[in-house]
Amino acid sequence: MKLPEHTADLAAPEMRLDKWLKAARIYKSREEAAQACDLGRVKVNDHAAKPSKVVHIGDVVVVKASNHYRTLEIKEIPTRGLSAKDAKLVYHETTPELPPETVELMKLFREQARQLPSPEKGRPTKKSRRELERWRGKG
């Protein structure tokens, strides 16, 4: 049985998740969006999502940014590329604002991590080996 042609217009708009993340300018490229999905940094409606997941209007997308989570509700499925200004109209961000104390604490952690020496890889140098021996009391 063939469906009438006008019912195709009534179909709910949908798009692949990686394409939507690129169109909404959450990620710079579709490949980057797909990689984030594969690493488990993107969830749709509280479920881990693959890049090929089809999203609809009203779905809630949670994206893990560098050190926080962004909660986005899909308001529109774009049909073409959008400018940065228009891309923000495609979703509604419901991420709660962090308290100033938490922001300050995160800044302190970042500064502290920068001051720590980076761990050496591989075999110790002659100098570091002698320091270890002195520290252990062998030299």
Protein backbone atom coordinates (compact mmCIF):
# COMPACT_ATOMS: atom_id res chain seq x y z
CA MET A 1 0.00 0.00 0.00
CA LYS A 2 1.42 3.36 -1.02
CA LEU A 3 1.16 6.32 1.33
CA PRO A 4 -0.20 9.61 0.03
CA GLU A 5 2.48 12.14 -0.90
CA HIS A 6 1.28 14.80 1.56
CA THR A 7 2.04 12.54 4.55
CA ALA A 8 5.76 12.81 3.82
CA ASP A 9 5.56 16.51 4.76
CA LEU A 10 4.10 15.58 8.16
CA ALA A 11 7.03 13.36 9.11
CA ALA A 12 8.92 14.57 12.16
CA PRO A 13 12.24 16.20 11.24
CA GLU A 14 15.20 14.09 12.25
CA MET A 15 18.98 14.10 11.82
CA ARG A 16 22.00 12.03 12.81
CA LEU A 17 23.47 13.10 16.15
CA ASP A 18 26.95 13.83 14.78
CA LYS A 19 25.47 16.00 12.02
CA TRP A 20 23.31 17.90 14.52
CA LEU A 21 26.26 18.52 16.87
CA LYS A 22 28.22 19.92 13.91
CA ALA A 23 25.28 22.02 12.64
CA ALA A 24 24.66 23.42 16.14
CA ARG A 25 28.38 24.24 16.35
CA ILE A 26 28.92 22.25 19.51
CA TYR A 27 31.90 20.65 17.75
CA LYS A 28 33.95 22.10 14.91
CA SER A 29 33.72 19.03 12.68
CA ARG A 30 31.48 16.03 12.24
CA GLU A 31 34.48 13.76 12.81
CA GLU A 32 35.16 15.43 16.17
CA ALA A 33 31.48 15.01 17.14
CA ALA A 34 31.56 11.33 16.15
CA GLN A 35 34.72 10.77 18.17
CA ALA A 36 33.12 12.38 21.25
CA CYS A 37 30.13 10.05 20.85
CA ASP A 38 32.39 7.02 20.56
CA LEU A 39 34.27 8.05 23.72
CA GLY A 40 30.98 8.29 25.66
CA ARG A 41 31.07 12.08 26.08
CA VAL A 42 27.61 12.55 24.55
CA LYS A 43 24.28 11.24 25.87
CA VAL A 44 20.81 11.56 24.39
CA ASN A 45 17.88 11.28 26.79
CA ASP A 46 20.22 9.84 29.48
CA HIS A 47 21.55 7.05 27.23
CA ALA A 48 25.02 6.83 25.74
CA ALA A 49 24.68 7.67 22.05
CA LYS A 50 26.45 6.54 18.92
CA PRO A 51 27.14 9.06 16.14
CA SER A 52 24.44 7.44 13.99
CA LYS A 53 21.71 7.95 16.61
CA VAL A 54 18.75 9.81 15.10
CA VAL A 55 17.69 12.83 17.15
CA HIS A 56 14.35 14.64 17.09
CA ILE A 57 12.98 17.93 18.36
CA GLY A 58 12.58 17.78 22.14
CA ASP A 59 15.45 15.34 22.77
CA VAL A 60 17.84 16.28 25.57
CA VAL A 61 21.53 16.04 24.70
CA VAL A 62 24.20 16.09 27.42
CA VAL A 63 27.69 16.93 26.15
CA LYS A 64 30.80 16.67 28.31
CA ALA A 65 32.97 19.71 27.71
CA SER A 66 36.51 19.95 29.07
CA ASN A 67 35.60 20.05 32.76
CA HIS A 68 31.81 20.38 32.91
CA TYR A 69 28.62 19.08 31.30
CA ARG A 70 26.36 21.04 28.96
CA THR A 71 22.67 20.10 28.83
CA LEU A 72 20.99 21.03 25.55
CA GLU A 73 17.38 20.59 24.48
CA ILE A 74 16.89 20.33 20.72
CA LYS A 75 14.50 23.03 19.51
CA GLU A 76 15.06 22.72 15.77
CA ILE A 77 16.61 20.40 13.20
CA PRO A 78 18.51 22.55 10.67
CA THR A 79 18.37 21.64 7.00
CA ARG A 80 21.61 23.43 6.06
CA GLY A 81 24.70 24.97 7.64
CA LEU A 82 24.08 27.84 10.02
CA SER A 83 25.96 30.92 11.13
CA ALA A 84 27.22 31.01 14.71
CA LYS A 85 24.43 33.40 15.67
CA ASP A 86 21.72 31.18 14.16
CA ALA A 87 23.25 27.97 15.52
CA LYS A 88 22.46 29.08 19.09
CA LEU A 89 18.76 29.22 18.17
CA VAL A 90 18.71 25.50 17.34
CA TYR A 91 18.94 24.45 21.00
CA HIS A 92 18.02 25.66 24.47
CA GLU A 93 20.82 25.30 27.01
CA THR A 94 19.61 24.25 30.46
CA THR A 95 23.03 23.83 32.07
CA PRO A 96 22.88 25.13 35.64
CA GLU A 97 25.25 27.98 36.46
CA LEU A 98 28.16 26.95 38.70
CA PRO A 99 28.52 28.78 42.02
CA PRO A 100 31.47 31.20 42.18
CA GLU A 101 33.17 29.07 44.87
CA THR A 102 33.21 26.06 42.55
CA VAL A 103 34.61 28.11 39.65
CA GLU A 104 37.37 29.44 41.93
CA LEU A 105 38.16 25.93 43.17
CA MET A 106 38.40 24.61 39.60
CA LYS A 107 40.77 27.47 38.72
CA LEU A 108 42.99 26.62 41.72
CA PHE A 109 43.10 22.94 40.69
CA ARG A 110 44.18 23.89 37.17
CA GLU A 111 46.93 26.18 38.48
CA GLN A 112 48.14 23.49 40.90
CA ALA A 113 48.24 20.87 38.14
CA ARG A 114 50.39 23.18 36.01
CA GLN A 115 52.92 23.57 38.82
CA LEU A 116 53.40 19.83 39.37
CA PRO A 117 56.40 18.34 37.56
CA SER A 118 55.49 16.10 34.69
CA PRO A 119 56.28 12.44 35.32
CA GLU A 120 59.33 11.18 33.48
CA LYS A 121 58.82 8.42 30.97
CA GLY A 122 61.10 5.49 30.41
CA ARG A 123 64.42 4.80 32.01
CA PRO A 124 65.66 7.31 34.63
CA THR A 125 68.54 9.61 33.73
CA LYS A 126 71.85 9.31 35.52
CA LYS A 127 71.05 12.37 37.61
CA SER A 128 67.58 11.19 38.62
CA ARG A 129 68.95 7.68 39.40
CA ARG A 130 71.54 9.19 41.77
CA GLU A 131 68.84 11.28 43.46
CA LEU A 132 66.75 8.12 43.95
CA GLU A 133 69.72 6.29 45.45
CA ARG A 134 70.40 9.20 47.84
CA TRP A 135 66.74 9.27 48.79
CA ARG A 136 66.72 5.50 49.48
CA GLY A 137 69.94 5.82 51.49
CA LYS A 138 72.12 3.70 49.24
CA GLY A 139 74.52 6.32 48.04
